[in-house]
Structures are given as structure tokens and as C-alpha cells.
PDB file of N, CA and C in Angstrom:
ATOM      1  N   UNK A   1     -30.830  77.688  48.597  1.00  0.00           N
ATOM      2  CA  UNK A   1     -31.020  76.458  49.183  1.00  0.00           C
ATOM      3  C   UNK A   1     -30.296  75.275  48.405  1.00  0.00           C
ATOM      4  N   UNK A   2     -29.586  74.567  49.091  1.00  0.00           N
ATOM      5  CA  UNK A   2     -28.606  73.477  48.434  1.00  0.00           C
ATOM      6  C   UNK A   2     -29.424  72.160  48.864  1.00  0.00           C
ATOM      7  N   UNK A   3     -29.167  71.251  47.828  1.00  0.00           N
ATOM      8  CA  UNK A   3     -29.730  69.857  48.008  1.00  0.00           C
ATOM      9  C   UNK A   3     -28.510  68.935  48.382  1.00  0.00           C
ATOM     10  N   UNK A   4     -28.665  68.170  49.368  1.00  0.00           N
ATOM     11  CA  UNK A   4     -27.657  67.227  49.814  1.00  0.00           C
ATOM     12  C   UNK A   4     -27.619  66.111  48.929  1.00  0.00           C
ATOM     13  N   UNK A   5     -26.454  65.694  48.455  1.00  0.00           N
ATOM     14  CA  UNK A   5     -26.160  64.648  47.731  1.00  0.00           C
ATOM     15  C   UNK A   5     -26.266  63.198  48.556  1.00  0.00           C
ATOM     16  N   UNK A   6     -27.106  62.457  47.834  1.00  0.00           N
ATOM     17  CA  UNK A   6     -27.264  61.062  48.533  1.00  0.00           C
ATOM     18  C   UNK A   6     -26.265  60.067  48.183  1.00  0.00           C
ATOM     19  N   UNK A   7     -25.312  59.808  49.009  1.00  0.00           N
ATOM     20  CA  UNK A   7     -24.165  58.826  48.703  1.00  0.00           C
ATOM     21  C   UNK A   7     -24.524  57.550  49.321  1.00  0.00           C
ATOM     22  N   UNK A   8     -24.053  56.476  48.688  1.00  0.00           N
ATOM     23  CA  UNK A   8     -24.221  55.091  49.180  1.00  0.00           C
ATOM     24  C   UNK A   8     -23.042  54.354  48.725  1.00  0.00           C
ATOM     25  N   UNK A   9     -23.041  53.157  49.093  1.00  0.00           N
ATOM     26  CA  UNK A   9     -21.998  52.110  48.427  1.00  0.00           C
ATOM     27  C   UNK A   9     -22.628  51.123  47.522  1.00  0.00           C
ATOM     28  N   UNK A  10     -21.805  50.738  46.529  1.00  0.00           N
ATOM     29  CA  UNK A  10     -22.296  49.956  45.524  1.00  0.00           C
ATOM     30  C   UNK A  10     -22.868  48.748  46.016  1.00  0.00           C
ATOM     31  N   UNK A  11     -22.586  48.068  47.059  1.00  0.00           N
ATOM     32  CA  UNK A  11     -23.086  46.879  47.600  1.00  0.00           C
ATOM     33  C   UNK A  11     -24.686  46.998  47.977  1.00  0.00           C
ATOM     34  N   UNK A  12     -25.049  48.263  48.288  1.00  0.00           N
ATOM     35  CA  UNK A  12     -26.427  48.641  48.525  1.00  0.00           C
ATOM     36  C   UNK A  12     -27.437  48.824  47.362  1.00  0.00           C
ATOM     37  N   UNK A  13     -26.799  49.083  46.119  1.00  0.00           N
ATOM     38  CA  UNK A  13     -27.624  49.344  44.920  1.00  0.00           C
ATOM     39  C   UNK A  13     -28.510  48.154  44.616  1.00  0.00           C
ATOM     40  N   UNK A  14     -29.774  48.530  44.096  1.00  0.00           N
ATOM     41  CA  UNK A  14     -30.710  47.533  43.925  1.00  0.00           C
ATOM     42  C   UNK A  14     -30.575  46.956  42.476  1.00  0.00           C
ATOM     43  N   UNK A  15     -30.934  45.847  42.211  1.00  0.00           N
ATOM     44  CA  UNK A  15     -30.807  45.195  40.824  1.00  0.00           C
ATOM     45  C   UNK A  15     -31.660  46.072  39.829  1.00  0.00           C
ATOM     46  N   UNK A  16     -30.934  46.435  38.665  1.00  0.00           N
ATOM     47  CA  UNK A  16     -31.569  47.072  37.627  1.00  0.00           C
ATOM     48  C   UNK A  16     -31.407  48.569  37.870  1.00  0.00           C
ATOM     49  N   UNK A  17     -30.814  49.098  39.043  1.00  0.00           N
ATOM     50  CA  UNK A  17     -30.537  50.455  39.141  1.00  0.00           C
ATOM     51  C   UNK A  17     -29.154  51.014  38.709  1.00  0.00           C
ATOM     52  N   UNK A  18     -29.089  52.233  38.237  1.00  0.00           N
ATOM     53  CA  UNK A  18     -27.872  52.750  37.750  1.00  0.00           C
ATOM     54  C   UNK A  18     -27.430  53.831  38.643  1.00  0.00           C
ATOM     55  N   UNK A  19     -26.107  54.145  38.770  1.00  0.00           N
ATOM     56  CA  UNK A  19     -25.504  55.118  39.641  1.00  0.00           C
ATOM     57  C   UNK A  19     -24.150  55.715  38.935  1.00  0.00           C
ATOM     58  N   UNK A  20     -23.560  56.604  39.693  1.00  0.00           N
ATOM     59  CA  UNK A  20     -22.378  57.260  39.238  1.00  0.00           C
ATOM     60  C   UNK A  20     -21.291  56.930  40.318  1.00  0.00           C
ATOM     61  N   UNK A  21     -20.105  56.540  39.799  1.00  0.00           N
ATOM     62  CA  UNK A  21     -19.122  56.354  40.918  1.00  0.00           C
ATOM     63  C   UNK A  21     -18.545  57.620  41.522  1.00  0.00           C
ATOM     64  N   UNK A  22     -18.345  57.774  42.763  1.00  0.00           N
ATOM     65  CA  UNK A  22     -17.972  59.107  43.239  1.00  0.00           C
ATOM     66  C   UNK A  22     -16.582  58.864  43.920  1.00  0.00           C
ATOM     67  N   UNK A  23     -16.252  57.650  44.571  1.00  0.00           N
ATOM     68  CA  UNK A  23     -14.960  57.519  45.179  1.00  0.00           C
ATOM     69  C   UNK A  23     -14.761  56.119  45.406  1.00  0.00           C
ATOM     70  N   UNK A  24     -13.627  55.572  45.462  1.00  0.00           N
ATOM     71  CA  UNK A  24     -13.150  54.204  45.640  1.00  0.00           C
ATOM     72  C   UNK A  24     -12.224  54.240  46.934  1.00  0.00           C
ATOM     73  N   UNK A  25     -12.705  53.629  48.034  1.00  0.00           N
ATOM     74  CA  UNK A  25     -11.931  53.785  49.253  1.00  0.00           C
ATOM     75  C   UNK A  25     -10.914  52.533  49.408  1.00  0.00           C
ATOM     76  N   UNK A  26      -9.906  52.800  50.167  1.00  0.00           N
ATOM     77  CA  UNK A  26      -8.953  51.680  50.262  1.00  0.00           C
ATOM     78  C   UNK A  26      -9.669  50.698  51.402  1.00  0.00           C
ATOM     79  N   UNK A  27      -9.326  49.346  51.275  1.00  0.00           N
ATOM     80  CA  UNK A  27      -9.825  48.486  52.194  1.00  0.00           C
ATOM     81  C   UNK A  27      -9.291  48.487  53.517  1.00  0.00           C
ATOM     82  N   UNK A  28      -9.651  47.559  54.471  1.00  0.00           N
ATOM     83  CA  UNK A  28      -9.277  47.584  55.804  1.00  0.00           C
ATOM     84  C   UNK A  28      -7.786  47.105  55.948  1.00  0.00           C
ATOM     85  N   UNK A  29      -7.390  46.147  54.890  1.00  0.00           N
ATOM     86  CA  UNK A  29      -5.971  45.736  55.080  1.00  0.00           C
ATOM     87  C   UNK A  29      -4.953  46.731  54.978  1.00  0.00           C
ATOM     88  N   UNK A  30      -3.821  46.739  55.724  1.00  0.00           N
ATOM     89  CA  UNK A  30      -2.856  47.637  55.589  1.00  0.00           C
ATOM     90  C   UNK A  30      -2.116  47.869  54.361  1.00  0.00           C
ATOM     91  N   UNK A  31      -1.944  46.614  53.661  1.00  0.00           N
ATOM     92  CA  UNK A  31      -1.121  46.586  52.432  1.00  0.00           C
ATOM     93  C   UNK A  31      -2.153  46.105  51.252  1.00  0.00           C
ATOM     94  N   UNK A  32      -3.083  45.240  51.547  1.00  0.00           N
ATOM     95  CA  UNK A  32      -3.896  44.713  50.496  1.00  0.00           C
ATOM     96  C   UNK A  32      -5.024  45.656  50.078  1.00  0.00           C
ATOM     97  N   UNK A  33      -5.383  46.612  51.068  1.00  0.00           N
ATOM     98  CA  UNK A  33      -6.430  47.435  50.760  1.00  0.00           C
ATOM     99  C   UNK A  33      -6.210  48.469  49.582  1.00  0.00           C
ATOM    100  N   UNK A  34      -5.016  48.915  49.637  1.00  0.00           N
ATOM    101  CA  UNK A  34      -4.643  49.888  48.605  1.00  0.00           C
ATOM    102  C   UNK A  34      -4.567  49.149  47.257  1.00  0.00           C
ATOM    103  N   UNK A  35      -4.171  48.002  47.114  1.00  0.00           N
ATOM    104  CA  UNK A  35      -4.009  47.045  45.999  1.00  0.00           C
ATOM    105  C   UNK A  35      -5.412  46.835  45.399  1.00  0.00           C
ATOM    106  N   UNK A  36      -6.281  46.540  46.368  1.00  0.00           N
ATOM    107  CA  UNK A  36      -7.742  46.252  45.987  1.00  0.00           C
ATOM    108  C   UNK A  36      -8.390  47.392  45.323  1.00  0.00           C
ATOM    109  N   UNK A  37      -8.270  48.613  46.137  1.00  0.00           N
ATOM    110  CA  UNK A  37      -8.911  49.818  45.445  1.00  0.00           C
ATOM    111  C   UNK A  37      -8.397  50.073  44.104  1.00  0.00           C
ATOM    112  N   UNK A  38      -6.908  50.083  43.956  1.00  0.00           N
ATOM    113  CA  UNK A  38      -6.341  50.295  42.732  1.00  0.00           C
ATOM    114  C   UNK A  38      -6.729  49.320  41.622  1.00  0.00           C
ATOM    115  N   UNK A  39      -6.972  48.067  42.086  1.00  0.00           N
ATOM    116  CA  UNK A  39      -7.608  47.073  41.022  1.00  0.00           C
ATOM    117  C   UNK A  39      -8.926  47.425  40.686  1.00  0.00           C
ATOM    118  N   UNK A  40      -9.756  47.779  41.552  1.00  0.00           N
ATOM    119  CA  UNK A  40     -11.044  48.318  41.098  1.00  0.00           C
ATOM    120  C   UNK A  40     -11.141  49.443  40.261  1.00  0.00           C
ATOM    121  N   UNK A  41     -10.161  50.368  40.436  1.00  0.00           N
ATOM    122  CA  UNK A  41     -10.048  51.528  39.470  1.00  0.00           C
ATOM    123  C   UNK A  41      -9.593  51.045  38.210  1.00  0.00           C
ATOM    124  N   UNK A  42      -8.631  50.176  38.222  1.00  0.00           N
ATOM    125  CA  UNK A  42      -8.209  49.689  36.864  1.00  0.00           C
ATOM    126  C   UNK A  42      -9.307  49.068  36.096  1.00  0.00           C
ATOM    127  N   UNK A  43     -10.278  48.398  36.707  1.00  0.00           N
ATOM    128  CA  UNK A  43     -11.310  47.773  36.004  1.00  0.00           C
ATOM    129  C   UNK A  43     -12.274  48.675  35.443  1.00  0.00           C
ATOM    130  N   UNK A  44     -12.281  50.017  35.968  1.00  0.00           N
ATOM    131  CA  UNK A  44     -13.174  50.998  35.440  1.00  0.00           C
ATOM    132  C   UNK A  44     -14.092  51.627  36.399  1.00  0.00           C
ATOM    133  N   UNK A  45     -13.951  51.359  37.765  1.00  0.00           N
ATOM    134  CA  UNK A  45     -14.605  51.956  38.809  1.00  0.00           C
ATOM    135  C   UNK A  45     -13.930  53.279  39.108  1.00  0.00           C
ATOM    136  N   UNK A  46     -14.054  54.295  38.357  1.00  0.00           N
ATOM    137  CA  UNK A  46     -13.384  55.549  38.550  1.00  0.00           C
ATOM    138  C   UNK A  46     -14.452  56.623  38.691  1.00  0.00           C
ATOM    139  N   UNK A  47     -14.082  57.644  39.502  1.00  0.00           N
ATOM    140  CA  UNK A  47     -15.055  58.715  39.751  1.00  0.00           C
ATOM    141  C   UNK A  47     -15.732  59.306  38.395  1.00  0.00           C
ATOM    142  N   UNK A  48     -17.066  59.392  38.362  1.00  0.00           N
ATOM    143  CA  UNK A  48     -17.658  60.001  37.165  1.00  0.00           C
ATOM    144  C   UNK A  48     -18.221  58.756  36.165  1.00  0.00           C
ATOM    145  N   UNK A  49     -17.789  57.525  36.360  1.00  0.00           N
ATOM    146  CA  UNK A  49     -18.139  56.456  35.533  1.00  0.00           C
ATOM    147  C   UNK A  49     -19.619  56.057  35.961  1.00  0.00           C
ATOM    148  N   UNK A  50     -20.288  55.734  34.817  1.00  0.00           N
ATOM    149  CA  UNK A  50     -21.742  55.286  35.124  1.00  0.00           C
ATOM    150  C   UNK A  50     -21.697  53.678  35.283  1.00  0.00           C
ATOM    151  N   UNK A  51     -22.468  53.122  36.175  1.00  0.00           N
ATOM    152  CA  UNK A  51     -22.477  51.873  36.496  1.00  0.00           C
ATOM    153  C   UNK A  51     -24.037  51.190  36.702  1.00  0.00           C
ATOM    154  N   UNK A  52     -24.119  50.093  36.480  1.00  0.00           N
ATOM    155  CA  UNK A  52     -25.466  49.404  36.601  1.00  0.00           C
ATOM    156  C   UNK A  52     -25.332  48.145  37.176  1.00  0.00           C
ATOM    157  N   UNK A  53     -26.213  47.901  38.311  1.00  0.00           N
ATOM    158  CA  UNK A  53     -26.373  46.570  38.995  1.00  0.00           C
ATOM    159  C   UNK A  53     -27.132  45.638  38.114  1.00  0.00           C
ATOM    160  N   UNK A  54     -26.684  44.586  37.654  1.00  0.00           N
ATOM    161  CA  UNK A  54     -27.274  43.781  36.862  1.00  0.00           C
ATOM    162  C   UNK A  54     -27.971  42.483  37.529  1.00  0.00           C
ATOM    163  N   UNK A  55     -27.180  41.927  38.489  1.00  0.00           N
ATOM    164  CA  UNK A  55     -27.833  40.730  39.135  1.00  0.00           C
ATOM    165  C   UNK A  55     -27.178  40.457  40.445  1.00  0.00           C
ATOM    166  N   UNK A  56     -27.819  39.971  41.400  1.00  0.00           N
ATOM    167  CA  UNK A  56     -27.152  39.340  42.730  1.00  0.00           C
ATOM    168  C   UNK A  56     -27.256  37.933  42.679  1.00  0.00           C
ATOM    169  N   UNK A  57     -26.128  37.248  42.996  1.00  0.00           N
ATOM    170  CA  UNK A  57     -26.116  35.776  43.045  1.00  0.00           C
ATOM    171  C   UNK A  57     -26.853  35.263  44.212  1.00  0.00           C
ATOM    172  N   UNK A  58     -27.309  33.952  44.005  1.00  0.00           N
ATOM    173  CA  UNK A  58     -28.048  33.304  45.166  1.00  0.00           C
ATOM    174  C   UNK A  58     -27.361  32.103  45.613  1.00  0.00           C
ATOM    175  N   UNK A  59     -27.420  31.727  46.868  1.00  0.00           N
ATOM    176  CA  UNK A  59     -28.070  32.364  48.020  1.00  0.00           C
ATOM    177  C   UNK A  59     -27.113  33.510  48.622  1.00  0.00           C
ATOM    178  N   UNK A  60     -27.478  34.243  49.342  1.00  0.00           N
ATOM    179  CA  UNK A  60     -26.679  35.268  50.086  1.00  0.00           C
ATOM    180  C   UNK A  60     -26.302  36.514  49.350  1.00  0.00           C
ATOM    181  N   UNK A  61     -26.776  36.549  48.052  1.00  0.00           N
ATOM    182  CA  UNK A  61     -26.652  37.919  47.230  1.00  0.00           C
ATOM    183  C   UNK A  61     -25.259  38.017  46.747  1.00  0.00           C
ATOM    184  N   UNK A  62     -24.306  37.039  46.660  1.00  0.00           N
ATOM    185  CA  UNK A  62     -23.179  37.182  46.045  1.00  0.00           C
ATOM    186  C   UNK A  62     -22.918  36.158  45.088  1.00  0.00           C
ATOM    187  N   UNK A  63     -22.162  36.501  43.862  1.00  0.00           N
ATOM    188  CA  UNK A  63     -21.436  37.743  43.688  1.00  0.00           C
ATOM    189  C   UNK A  63     -22.530  38.784  43.080  1.00  0.00           C
ATOM    190  N   UNK A  64     -21.955  39.975  42.911  1.00  0.00           N
ATOM    191  CA  UNK A  64     -22.789  41.088  42.278  1.00  0.00           C
ATOM    192  C   UNK A  64     -22.277  41.168  40.979  1.00  0.00           C
ATOM    193  N   UNK A  65     -23.152  41.152  39.955  1.00  0.00           N
ATOM    194  CA  UNK A  65     -22.858  41.534  38.585  1.00  0.00           C
ATOM    195  C   UNK A  65     -23.056  42.956  38.314  1.00  0.00           C
ATOM    196  N   UNK A  66     -21.987  43.504  37.931  1.00  0.00           N
ATOM    197  CA  UNK A  66     -21.934  44.956  37.759  1.00  0.00           C
ATOM    198  C   UNK A  66     -21.541  45.258  36.313  1.00  0.00           C
ATOM    199  N   UNK A  67     -22.360  46.265  35.563  1.00  0.00           N
ATOM    200  CA  UNK A  67     -21.971  46.606  34.273  1.00  0.00           C
ATOM    201  C   UNK A  67     -21.143  47.959  34.336  1.00  0.00           C
ATOM    202  N   UNK A  68     -20.086  47.872  33.866  1.00  0.00           N
ATOM    203  CA  UNK A  68     -19.291  49.268  33.798  1.00  0.00           C
ATOM    204  C   UNK A  68     -18.700  49.509  32.244  1.00  0.00           C
ATOM    205  N   UNK A  69     -19.362  50.461  31.714  1.00  0.00           N
ATOM    206  CA  UNK A  69     -18.941  50.709  30.343  1.00  0.00           C
ATOM    207  C   UNK A  69     -19.641  49.585  29.593  1.00  0.00           C
ATOM    208  N   UNK A  70     -18.733  48.981  28.657  1.00  0.00           N
ATOM    209  CA  UNK A  70     -19.176  47.730  27.953  1.00  0.00           C
ATOM    210  C   UNK A  70     -18.814  46.431  28.530  1.00  0.00           C
ATOM    211  N   UNK A  71     -18.231  46.397  29.814  1.00  0.00           N
ATOM    212  CA  UNK A  71     -17.781  45.256  30.459  1.00  0.00           C
ATOM    213  C   UNK A  71     -18.647  44.895  31.644  1.00  0.00           C
ATOM    214  N   UNK A  72     -18.709  43.679  32.162  1.00  0.00           N
ATOM    215  CA  UNK A  72     -19.491  43.085  33.115  1.00  0.00           C
ATOM    216  C   UNK A  72     -18.542  42.460  34.077  1.00  0.00           C
ATOM    217  N   UNK A  73     -18.522  42.757  35.498  1.00  0.00           N
ATOM    218  CA  UNK A  73     -17.631  42.297  36.345  1.00  0.00           C
ATOM    219  C   UNK A  73     -18.499  41.644  37.440  1.00  0.00           C
ATOM    220  N   UNK A  74     -17.927  40.641  38.139  1.00  0.00           N
ATOM    221  CA  UNK A  74     -18.469  39.964  39.337  1.00  0.00           C
ATOM    222  C   UNK A  74     -17.662  40.430  40.590  1.00  0.00           C
ATOM    223  N   UNK A  75     -18.291  41.138  41.389  1.00  0.00           N
ATOM    224  CA  UNK A  75     -17.641  41.449  42.677  1.00  0.00           C
ATOM    225  C   UNK A  75     -18.229  40.888  43.954  1.00  0.00           C
ATOM    226  N   UNK A  76     -17.506  40.652  44.837  1.00  0.00           N
ATOM    227  CA  UNK A  76     -17.962  40.255  46.196  1.00  0.00           C
ATOM    228  C   UNK A  76     -18.500  41.459  46.831  1.00  0.00           C
ATOM    229  N   UNK A  77     -19.400  41.364  47.774  1.00  0.00           N
ATOM    230  CA  UNK A  77     -20.002  42.473  48.647  1.00  0.00           C
ATOM    231  C   UNK A  77     -18.974  43.358  49.207  1.00  0.00           C
ATOM    232  N   UNK A  78     -17.953  42.804  49.919  1.00  0.00           N
ATOM    233  CA  UNK A  78     -16.955  43.561  50.573  1.00  0.00           C
ATOM    234  C   UNK A  78     -16.153  44.451  49.543  1.00  0.00           C
ATOM    235  N   UNK A  79     -16.068  44.093  48.325  1.00  0.00           N
ATOM    236  CA  UNK A  79     -15.380  44.813  47.346  1.00  0.00           C
ATOM    237  C   UNK A  79     -16.258  45.866  46.842  1.00  0.00           C
ATOM    238  N   UNK A  80     -17.532  45.580  46.629  1.00  0.00           N
ATOM    239  CA  UNK A  80     -18.443  46.639  46.238  1.00  0.00           C
ATOM    240  C   UNK A  80     -18.631  47.641  47.145  1.00  0.00           C
ATOM    241  N   UNK A  81     -18.523  47.221  48.562  1.00  0.00           N
ATOM    242  CA  UNK A  81     -18.703  48.271  49.741  1.00  0.00           C
ATOM    243  C   UNK A  81     -17.513  49.289  49.703  1.00  0.00           C
ATOM    244  N   UNK A  82     -16.498  49.064  48.980  1.00  0.00           N
ATOM    245  CA  UNK A  82     -15.386  50.077  48.796  1.00  0.00           C
ATOM    246  C   UNK A  82     -15.759  51.191  47.731  1.00  0.00           C
ATOM    247  N   UNK A  83     -16.773  50.874  47.016  1.00  0.00           N
ATOM    248  CA  UNK A  83     -17.066  51.999  45.921  1.00  0.00           C
ATOM    249  C   UNK A  83     -18.259  52.788  46.355  1.00  0.00           C
ATOM    250  N   UNK A  84     -18.040  54.137  46.543  1.00  0.00           N
ATOM    251  CA  UNK A  84     -18.934  55.069  46.884  1.00  0.00           C
ATOM    252  C   UNK A  84     -19.776  55.513  45.561  1.00  0.00           C
ATOM    253  N   UNK A  85     -20.967  55.499  45.530  1.00  0.00           N
ATOM    254  CA  UNK A  85     -21.752  55.978  44.405  1.00  0.00           C
ATOM    255  C   UNK A  85     -22.913  56.895  44.738  1.00  0.00           C
ATOM    256  N   UNK A  86     -23.455  57.596  43.825  1.00  0.00           N
ATOM    257  CA  UNK A  86     -24.492  58.382  43.838  1.00  0.00           C
ATOM    258  C   UNK A  86     -25.626  57.713  42.901  1.00  0.00           C
ATOM    259  N   UNK A  87     -26.616  57.146  43.443  1.00  0.00           N
ATOM    260  CA  UNK A  87     -27.667  56.587  42.677  1.00  0.00           C
ATOM    261  C   UNK A  87     -28.422  57.642  41.803  1.00  0.00           C
ATOM    262  N   UNK A  88     -29.001  57.075  40.769  1.00  0.00           N
ATOM    263  CA  UNK A  88     -29.580  58.027  39.769  1.00  0.00           C
ATOM    264  C   UNK A  88     -31.140  57.855  39.851  1.00  0.00           C
TER     265      UNK A  88
END
């Protein structure tokens, strides 16, 4: 019997929860999407990396404060939606 892996995107992670990065997708832009996903990977959002949702801004839940390694980054929701994660 195999267990299905539950994948979601970083923008859906709840505050205080941890996860592991599985994949970073290119954005919808033809040219800017690849640049954005590359930039996210340069910041540390690489497959296998542990991350934690620290806080959501108010109002509207933006920006998202994300801890990656020893660094904290603020992402917009559309940027966080490019990061596929496996919650822990």
C-alpha cells in the first residue's frame, strides 16, 4: 500500500506551520516567469529545503513572512503560489 504525498503551495501554508520545498514553478509571464522562479531559488527556495510560515500581513494576508534556513523573506501571495511544498 502506498501513501499519496499531499502537496500544496506555499501561499496556502498556515502561520507557524513548517514544510519542505518540492518544486518551484515558472510564473505565467513568458519572460518574467522564469526570472522570478530563478530568483526564488537563489533566495533558498530549493527542493528539499525546510521552510516555516512566520506571519501574514494585514489586511489581505500580504506579504507573507517566510523563514528559509537562517533568513527571513517577505513574499507576495502570487510569488508564494509558485512554490510547491509538502507540509509536515
